[in-house]
N, C-alpha and C. Protein backbone atom coordinates (compact mmCIF):
# COMPACT_ATOMS: atom_id res chain seq x y z
N UNK A 1 9.23 -14.98 -1.05
CA UNK A 1 8.40 -14.53 -0.34
C UNK A 1 7.70 -15.53 0.72
N UNK A 2 7.41 -15.23 2.19
CA UNK A 2 7.09 -16.10 2.85
C UNK A 2 5.64 -16.59 2.49
N UNK A 3 5.14 -17.77 3.18
CA UNK A 3 3.77 -18.58 3.11
C UNK A 3 2.99 -17.39 3.03
N UNK A 4 1.74 -17.91 2.41
CA UNK A 4 0.69 -16.94 1.85
C UNK A 4 -0.13 -17.09 3.13
N UNK A 5 -0.93 -15.79 3.56
CA UNK A 5 -1.59 -15.82 5.06
C UNK A 5 -2.90 -15.42 4.54
N UNK A 6 -3.83 -16.36 5.10
CA UNK A 6 -5.41 -16.22 4.77
C UNK A 6 -5.83 -16.32 6.09
N UNK A 7 -6.79 -15.37 6.15
CA UNK A 7 -7.49 -15.45 7.53
C UNK A 7 -9.17 -15.07 7.27
N UNK A 8 -9.94 -15.31 7.86
CA UNK A 8 -11.19 -15.26 8.00
C UNK A 8 -11.51 -13.38 8.11
N UNK A 9 -12.49 -12.95 7.78
CA UNK A 9 -12.99 -11.36 8.10
C UNK A 9 -12.73 -11.24 9.59
N UNK A 10 -13.62 -12.39 10.44
CA UNK A 10 -13.83 -11.78 11.62
C UNK A 10 -12.31 -11.81 12.39
N UNK A 11 -11.55 -12.88 11.77
CA UNK A 11 -9.92 -12.61 12.11
C UNK A 11 -9.30 -11.23 12.08
N UNK A 12 -9.67 -11.18 10.84
CA UNK A 12 -8.77 -9.71 10.24
C UNK A 12 -9.32 -8.38 11.01
N UNK A 13 -10.77 -8.45 11.25
CA UNK A 13 -11.68 -7.70 12.15
C UNK A 13 -11.09 -7.44 13.61
N UNK A 14 -10.87 -8.49 14.10
CA UNK A 14 -10.17 -8.62 15.58
C UNK A 14 -8.81 -8.14 15.45
N UNK A 15 -8.07 -8.32 14.54
CA UNK A 15 -6.64 -7.95 14.64
C UNK A 15 -6.25 -6.54 14.29
N UNK A 16 -6.93 -5.70 13.39
CA UNK A 16 -6.93 -4.54 12.87
C UNK A 16 -7.75 -3.51 13.46
N UNK A 17 -7.20 -2.41 13.34
CA UNK A 17 -7.83 -1.32 13.90
C UNK A 17 -9.28 -0.91 12.72
N UNK A 18 -10.18 -0.42 13.10
CA UNK A 18 -11.41 0.19 12.05
C UNK A 18 -10.79 0.49 10.96
N UNK A 19 -10.08 1.49 10.84
CA UNK A 19 -9.50 2.10 9.53
C UNK A 19 -8.84 1.13 8.96
N UNK A 20 -8.13 0.48 9.52
CA UNK A 20 -6.98 -0.42 8.87
C UNK A 20 -7.82 -1.64 8.28
N UNK A 21 -9.00 -2.06 9.19
CA UNK A 21 -9.77 -3.03 8.14
C UNK A 21 -10.65 -2.50 7.08
N UNK A 22 -11.21 -1.37 7.31
CA UNK A 22 -11.73 -0.51 6.31
C UNK A 22 -11.04 -0.52 5.10
N UNK A 23 -9.88 -0.10 5.09
CA UNK A 23 -8.78 -0.16 4.08
C UNK A 23 -8.40 -1.37 3.35
N UNK A 24 -7.58 -1.92 4.37
CA UNK A 24 -6.92 -3.08 3.89
C UNK A 24 -7.92 -4.36 3.51
N UNK A 25 -8.88 -4.49 4.08
CA UNK A 25 -9.67 -5.66 3.86
C UNK A 25 -11.27 -5.52 3.23
N UNK A 26 -11.39 -4.29 3.16
CA UNK A 26 -12.92 -3.81 2.39
C UNK A 26 -12.72 -2.70 1.58
N UNK A 27 -11.42 -2.47 0.98
CA UNK A 27 -10.98 -1.77 -0.22
C UNK A 27 -11.34 -0.43 -0.04
N UNK A 28 -11.20 0.25 1.25
CA UNK A 28 -11.55 1.59 1.41
C UNK A 28 -10.17 2.63 1.19
N UNK A 29 -10.21 3.69 1.27
CA UNK A 29 -9.35 4.66 1.08
C UNK A 29 -9.08 5.67 2.15
N UNK A 30 -8.40 6.18 2.74
CA UNK A 30 -7.86 7.07 3.92
C UNK A 30 -8.00 8.52 2.93
N UNK A 31 -8.57 9.37 4.08
CA UNK A 31 -8.50 10.76 3.47
C UNK A 31 -7.15 11.46 2.99
N UNK A 32 -7.30 12.30 1.60
CA UNK A 32 -6.09 12.75 1.28
C UNK A 32 -5.40 13.48 2.59
N UNK A 33 -3.98 13.67 2.73
CA UNK A 33 -3.33 14.34 3.77
C UNK A 33 -3.45 13.75 5.07
N UNK A 34 -4.05 12.84 5.31
CA UNK A 34 -4.38 12.39 6.37
C UNK A 34 -3.61 11.12 7.15
N UNK A 35 -2.69 10.55 6.67
CA UNK A 35 -1.84 9.50 6.79
C UNK A 35 -0.64 10.05 7.25
N UNK A 36 -0.28 9.18 7.95
CA UNK A 36 1.06 9.60 9.04
C UNK A 36 2.44 9.28 7.93
N UNK A 37 2.28 8.36 6.85
CA UNK A 37 3.53 8.87 6.20
C UNK A 37 3.74 9.60 4.76
N UNK A 38 2.59 10.56 4.74
CA UNK A 38 2.41 11.33 3.57
C UNK A 38 3.94 12.04 3.54
N UNK A 39 4.18 13.03 4.58
CA UNK A 39 5.29 13.72 4.57
C UNK A 39 6.46 13.08 5.46
N UNK A 40 6.50 11.69 5.72
CA UNK A 40 7.71 10.84 6.22
C UNK A 40 8.69 10.77 5.26
N UNK A 41 10.08 11.08 5.92
CA UNK A 41 11.51 11.14 5.10
C UNK A 41 12.10 10.11 5.69
N UNK A 42 11.74 9.34 6.73
CA UNK A 42 12.53 8.21 7.42
C UNK A 42 13.15 7.33 6.56
N UNK A 43 14.20 7.03 6.72
CA UNK A 43 14.81 5.71 6.10
C UNK A 43 14.14 4.34 6.57
N UNK A 44 14.06 3.28 5.37
CA UNK A 44 13.34 1.96 6.26
C UNK A 44 12.76 1.56 5.18
N UNK A 45 12.05 0.27 5.55
CA UNK A 45 11.18 -0.27 4.72
C UNK A 45 9.84 -0.39 5.24
N UNK A 46 9.01 -0.09 4.33
CA UNK A 46 7.28 -0.02 4.38
C UNK A 46 6.87 -1.51 4.50
N UNK A 47 6.42 -1.95 5.40
CA UNK A 47 5.66 -3.42 5.48
C UNK A 47 4.24 -3.14 5.42
N UNK A 48 3.57 -4.36 5.29
CA UNK A 48 2.09 -4.48 5.03
C UNK A 48 1.79 -4.54 6.72
N UNK A 49 0.73 -3.73 7.01
CA UNK A 49 0.15 -3.72 8.43
C UNK A 49 -0.21 -4.97 8.95
N UNK A 50 -0.97 -5.88 7.55
CA UNK A 50 -1.71 -6.98 8.09
C UNK A 50 -0.63 -8.24 8.16
N UNK A 51 0.33 -8.16 7.37
CA UNK A 51 0.96 -9.45 7.53
C UNK A 51 2.56 -9.37 7.71
N UNK A 52 3.18 -7.94 7.87
CA UNK A 52 4.39 -7.68 7.85
C UNK A 52 5.24 -7.79 6.51
N UNK A 53 4.74 -8.26 5.17
CA UNK A 53 5.65 -8.46 3.94
C UNK A 53 6.20 -7.10 3.83
N UNK A 54 7.42 -7.08 3.09
CA UNK A 54 8.34 -5.94 2.88
C UNK A 54 7.55 -5.50 1.47
N UNK A 55 7.26 -4.29 1.40
CA UNK A 55 6.74 -3.66 0.12
C UNK A 55 7.41 -2.43 -0.37
N UNK A 56 7.89 -1.80 0.18
CA UNK A 56 8.60 -0.61 -0.48
C UNK A 56 9.58 -0.02 0.45
N UNK A 57 10.63 0.28 -0.35
CA UNK A 57 11.93 1.00 0.14
C UNK A 57 11.61 2.58 0.22
N UNK A 58 12.50 3.17 1.46
CA UNK A 58 12.22 4.53 1.43
C UNK A 58 13.05 5.19 0.55
N UNK A 59 13.73 4.59 -0.17
CA UNK A 59 14.37 5.16 -1.58
C UNK A 59 13.50 5.58 -2.65
N UNK A 60 12.71 4.62 -2.72
CA UNK A 60 11.63 4.86 -3.69
C UNK A 60 10.58 5.51 -3.33
N UNK A 61 10.49 6.20 -2.19
CA UNK A 61 9.70 6.97 -2.05
C UNK A 61 9.72 8.59 -2.53
N UNK A 62 8.51 9.31 -2.89
CA UNK A 62 8.65 10.58 -3.38
C UNK A 62 7.36 11.38 -3.23
N UNK A 63 7.46 12.64 -3.09
CA UNK A 63 6.41 13.45 -2.63
C UNK A 63 5.69 13.59 -4.02
N UNK A 64 4.44 13.03 -4.43
CA UNK A 64 3.56 13.30 -5.33
C UNK A 64 2.65 14.22 -5.61
N UNK A 65 2.41 14.94 -4.30
CA UNK A 65 1.58 16.03 -4.22
C UNK A 65 0.01 15.65 -4.12
N UNK A 66 -0.20 14.41 -3.89
CA UNK A 66 -1.42 13.73 -3.83
C UNK A 66 -1.93 13.67 -2.60
N UNK A 67 -1.38 13.52 -1.58
CA UNK A 67 -1.99 13.27 -0.35
C UNK A 67 -1.81 12.02 0.23
N UNK A 68 -1.18 11.28 -0.58
CA UNK A 68 -0.92 9.78 -0.04
C UNK A 68 0.60 9.24 -0.36
N UNK A 69 1.01 8.66 0.40
CA UNK A 69 2.50 8.17 0.08
C UNK A 69 2.71 7.48 -1.06
N UNK A 70 3.53 7.89 -1.52
CA UNK A 70 3.88 7.20 -3.19
C UNK A 70 5.20 7.02 -3.47
N UNK A 71 5.25 5.72 -4.24
CA UNK A 71 6.48 5.02 -4.40
C UNK A 71 6.69 5.07 -6.06
N UNK A 72 8.09 4.92 -6.34
CA UNK A 72 8.02 4.76 -7.65
C UNK A 72 8.32 3.27 -8.06
N UNK A 73 8.47 2.33 -7.27
CA UNK A 73 8.47 0.88 -7.32
C UNK A 73 8.42 -0.08 -5.89
N UNK A 74 8.18 -1.44 -6.03
CA UNK A 74 8.13 -2.07 -4.85
C UNK A 74 9.41 -2.60 -4.62
N UNK A 75 9.57 -2.88 -3.35
CA UNK A 75 11.07 -3.64 -3.03
C UNK A 75 11.58 -4.78 -3.96
N UNK A 76 10.40 -5.55 -4.62
CA UNK A 76 10.52 -6.71 -5.62
C UNK A 76 9.15 -6.60 -6.33
N UNK A 77 9.33 -7.54 -7.56
CA UNK A 77 8.05 -7.83 -8.17
C UNK A 77 7.12 -8.88 -7.38
N UNK A 78 7.62 -9.37 -6.63
CA UNK A 78 7.09 -10.48 -6.06
C UNK A 78 6.25 -9.84 -4.64
N UNK A 79 6.48 -8.58 -4.30
CA UNK A 79 6.11 -8.04 -3.01
C UNK A 79 4.51 -7.68 -3.17
N UNK A 80 4.14 -7.13 -4.44
CA UNK A 80 2.79 -6.78 -4.53
C UNK A 80 2.09 -7.42 -5.89
N UNK A 81 1.11 -7.22 -6.20
CA UNK A 81 0.20 -7.86 -7.20
C UNK A 81 -0.77 -6.59 -7.64
N UNK A 82 -1.52 -6.51 -8.53
CA UNK A 82 -2.38 -5.77 -9.11
C UNK A 82 -3.52 -6.59 -9.80
N UNK A 83 -4.66 -5.56 -9.58
CA UNK A 83 -6.16 -6.26 -10.11
C UNK A 83 -6.78 -5.32 -10.90
N UNK A 84 -7.48 -5.10 -11.82
CA UNK A 84 -8.41 -4.16 -12.22
C UNK A 84 -9.26 -3.57 -11.51
N UNK A 85 -9.40 -2.44 -10.98
CA UNK A 85 -10.62 -2.27 -10.19
C UNK A 85 -11.46 -0.89 -10.85
N UNK A 86 -12.53 -1.42 -11.29
CA UNK A 86 -13.57 -0.71 -11.94
C UNK A 86 -14.58 0.41 -11.09
N UNK A 87 -14.28 0.59 -9.69
CA UNK A 87 -15.27 1.23 -8.82
C UNK A 87 -15.00 2.85 -9.03
N UNK A 88 -16.03 3.56 -8.71
CA UNK A 88 -16.06 4.87 -8.85
C UNK A 88 -15.98 5.59 -10.47
N UNK A 89 -16.66 4.29 -11.21
CA UNK A 89 -16.71 4.85 -12.50
C UNK A 89 -15.44 4.81 -13.55
N UNK A 90 -14.15 4.26 -12.92
CA UNK A 90 -13.14 4.47 -13.87
C UNK A 90 -12.20 2.99 -13.80
N UNK A 91 -11.59 2.86 -14.46
CA UNK A 91 -10.66 1.98 -14.62
C UNK A 91 -9.16 1.94 -13.93
N UNK A 92 -8.96 1.30 -12.95
CA UNK A 92 -7.52 1.76 -12.20
C UNK A 92 -7.04 0.35 -12.14
N UNK A 93 -5.63 0.47 -11.53
CA UNK A 93 -4.78 -0.80 -11.30
C UNK A 93 -4.83 -0.74 -9.76
N UNK A 94 -5.55 -1.55 -9.01
CA UNK A 94 -5.28 -1.62 -7.58
C UNK A 94 -4.19 -2.62 -7.32
N UNK A 95 -3.45 -1.96 -6.01
CA UNK A 95 -2.31 -2.94 -5.68
C UNK A 95 -2.57 -3.36 -4.38
N UNK A 96 -2.09 -4.94 -4.38
CA UNK A 96 -2.52 -5.73 -3.28
C UNK A 96 -1.17 -6.22 -2.61
N UNK A 97 -1.26 -6.58 -1.39
CA UNK A 97 -0.21 -7.28 -0.85
C UNK A 97 -0.01 -8.79 -1.49
N UNK A 98 0.89 -9.34 -1.95
CA UNK A 98 0.92 -10.51 -2.62
C UNK A 98 0.79 -11.62 -1.34
N UNK A 99 1.22 -11.38 -0.39
CA UNK A 99 1.43 -12.11 0.78
C UNK A 99 0.02 -12.39 1.51
N UNK A 100 -0.97 -11.40 1.72
CA UNK A 100 -2.17 -11.64 2.18
C UNK A 100 -3.30 -11.08 1.59
N UNK A 101 -3.29 -10.24 0.35
CA UNK A 101 -4.17 -9.90 -0.16
C UNK A 101 -4.72 -8.55 0.21
N UNK A 102 -4.03 -7.87 1.08
CA UNK A 102 -4.44 -6.55 1.48
C UNK A 102 -4.44 -5.59 0.42
N UNK A 103 -5.54 -4.69 0.60
CA UNK A 103 -5.75 -3.48 -0.19
C UNK A 103 -4.63 -2.52 0.08
N UNK A 104 -3.89 -2.19 -0.86
CA UNK A 104 -2.52 -1.29 -0.54
C UNK A 104 -3.24 0.34 -1.01
N UNK A 105 -3.67 0.20 -2.21
CA UNK A 105 -3.82 1.65 -2.79
C UNK A 105 -3.92 1.29 -4.32
N UNK A 106 -3.47 2.14 -5.11
CA UNK A 106 -3.39 2.24 -6.74
C UNK A 106 -2.08 2.28 -7.13
N UNK A 107 -1.83 2.08 -8.57
CA UNK A 107 -0.64 2.02 -9.47
C UNK A 107 -1.14 3.13 -10.45
N UNK A 108 -0.41 4.10 -10.82
CA UNK A 108 -0.63 4.91 -11.78
C UNK A 108 0.61 5.15 -12.96
N UNK A 109 0.58 5.41 -14.04
CA UNK A 109 1.90 5.68 -14.97
C UNK A 109 1.93 7.10 -15.09
N UNK A 110 2.04 7.75 -13.93
CA UNK A 110 2.39 9.40 -13.92
C UNK A 110 3.54 9.46 -13.00
N UNK A 111 4.60 8.49 -12.58
CA UNK A 111 5.31 8.61 -11.82
C UNK A 111 6.78 9.24 -12.12
N UNK A 112 7.61 9.40 -11.58
CA UNK A 112 9.21 9.68 -12.07
C UNK A 112 9.73 8.64 -12.85
N UNK A 113 10.78 9.19 -13.42
CA UNK A 113 12.23 8.22 -13.77
C UNK A 113 12.34 7.36 -12.75
N UNK A 114 12.87 6.13 -12.92
CA UNK A 114 13.20 5.40 -14.36
C UNK A 114 12.01 4.72 -14.37
N UNK A 115 10.87 4.51 -13.46
CA UNK A 115 9.94 3.76 -13.61
C UNK A 115 8.83 4.08 -14.24
N UNK A 116 8.51 5.49 -14.39
CA UNK A 116 7.25 6.26 -14.70
C UNK A 116 6.02 5.71 -13.93
N UNK A 117 6.22 4.99 -12.62
CA UNK A 117 5.22 4.40 -11.86
C UNK A 117 4.86 5.32 -10.62
N UNK A 118 3.38 5.34 -10.40
CA UNK A 118 3.48 6.17 -9.00
C UNK A 118 2.45 5.07 -8.23
N UNK A 119 3.30 4.40 -7.36
CA UNK A 119 2.37 3.56 -6.49
C UNK A 119 1.78 4.57 -5.30
N UNK A 120 0.55 4.78 -5.24
CA UNK A 120 -0.16 5.36 -4.53
C UNK A 120 -0.71 4.85 -3.31
N UNK A 121 -0.16 4.67 -2.10
CA UNK A 121 -0.75 3.79 -0.98
C UNK A 121 -1.51 4.84 0.04
N UNK A 122 -2.23 4.03 1.02
CA UNK A 122 -2.74 4.35 2.03
C UNK A 122 -1.87 4.32 3.08
N UNK A 123 -1.49 5.39 4.17
CA UNK A 123 -0.64 5.09 4.83
C UNK A 123 -1.24 4.10 6.17
N UNK A 124 -2.58 3.87 6.17
CA UNK A 124 -2.94 3.00 7.27
C UNK A 124 -2.58 1.61 6.95
N UNK A 125 -2.31 1.27 5.88
CA UNK A 125 -2.20 0.17 5.00
C UNK A 125 -0.44 -0.54 5.32
N UNK A 126 0.34 0.48 5.81
CA UNK A 126 1.61 0.46 5.89
C UNK A 126 2.10 0.48 7.39
N UNK A 127 3.22 0.01 7.85
CA UNK A 127 4.24 0.14 8.94
C UNK A 127 5.74 0.25 8.56
N UNK A 128 6.20 1.39 9.04
CA UNK A 128 7.31 1.76 8.51
C UNK A 128 8.46 1.18 9.44
N UNK A 129 9.19 0.05 8.97
CA UNK A 129 10.64 -0.45 9.83
C UNK A 129 11.55 0.48 9.55
N UNK A 130 11.89 1.27 10.55
CA UNK A 130 13.05 2.42 10.26
C UNK A 130 14.58 1.43 10.53
N UNK A 131 15.47 2.14 9.46
CA UNK A 131 16.40 1.37 9.50
C UNK A 131 17.60 2.25 10.42
């Protein structure tokens, strides 16, 4: 993994669009079925919109029917990290970019084989590098 990216809130606010900042830096969530990658079938690597870190490969993407792009696994265990999120009266595993700590979404244990995981991501937190 590349060097850790650390910036002030003011720097992130200047560099990101309003929705990107709200989701990635303030732990917001885009509306379901509104993101540009929900139905995307293109091949490539999904990268962090904040720092460019490679997060998910298109081969791990699947249609979960939830309204957010979903992946069965990250490109590597070093790409993301998780923290417990107790907001909204429930306990969930929040997924963060390991390189810049951007909020990406949440991971659940109801995904397809072989991992059984569903990384439910916000499209606005991702940028697809098409292959």
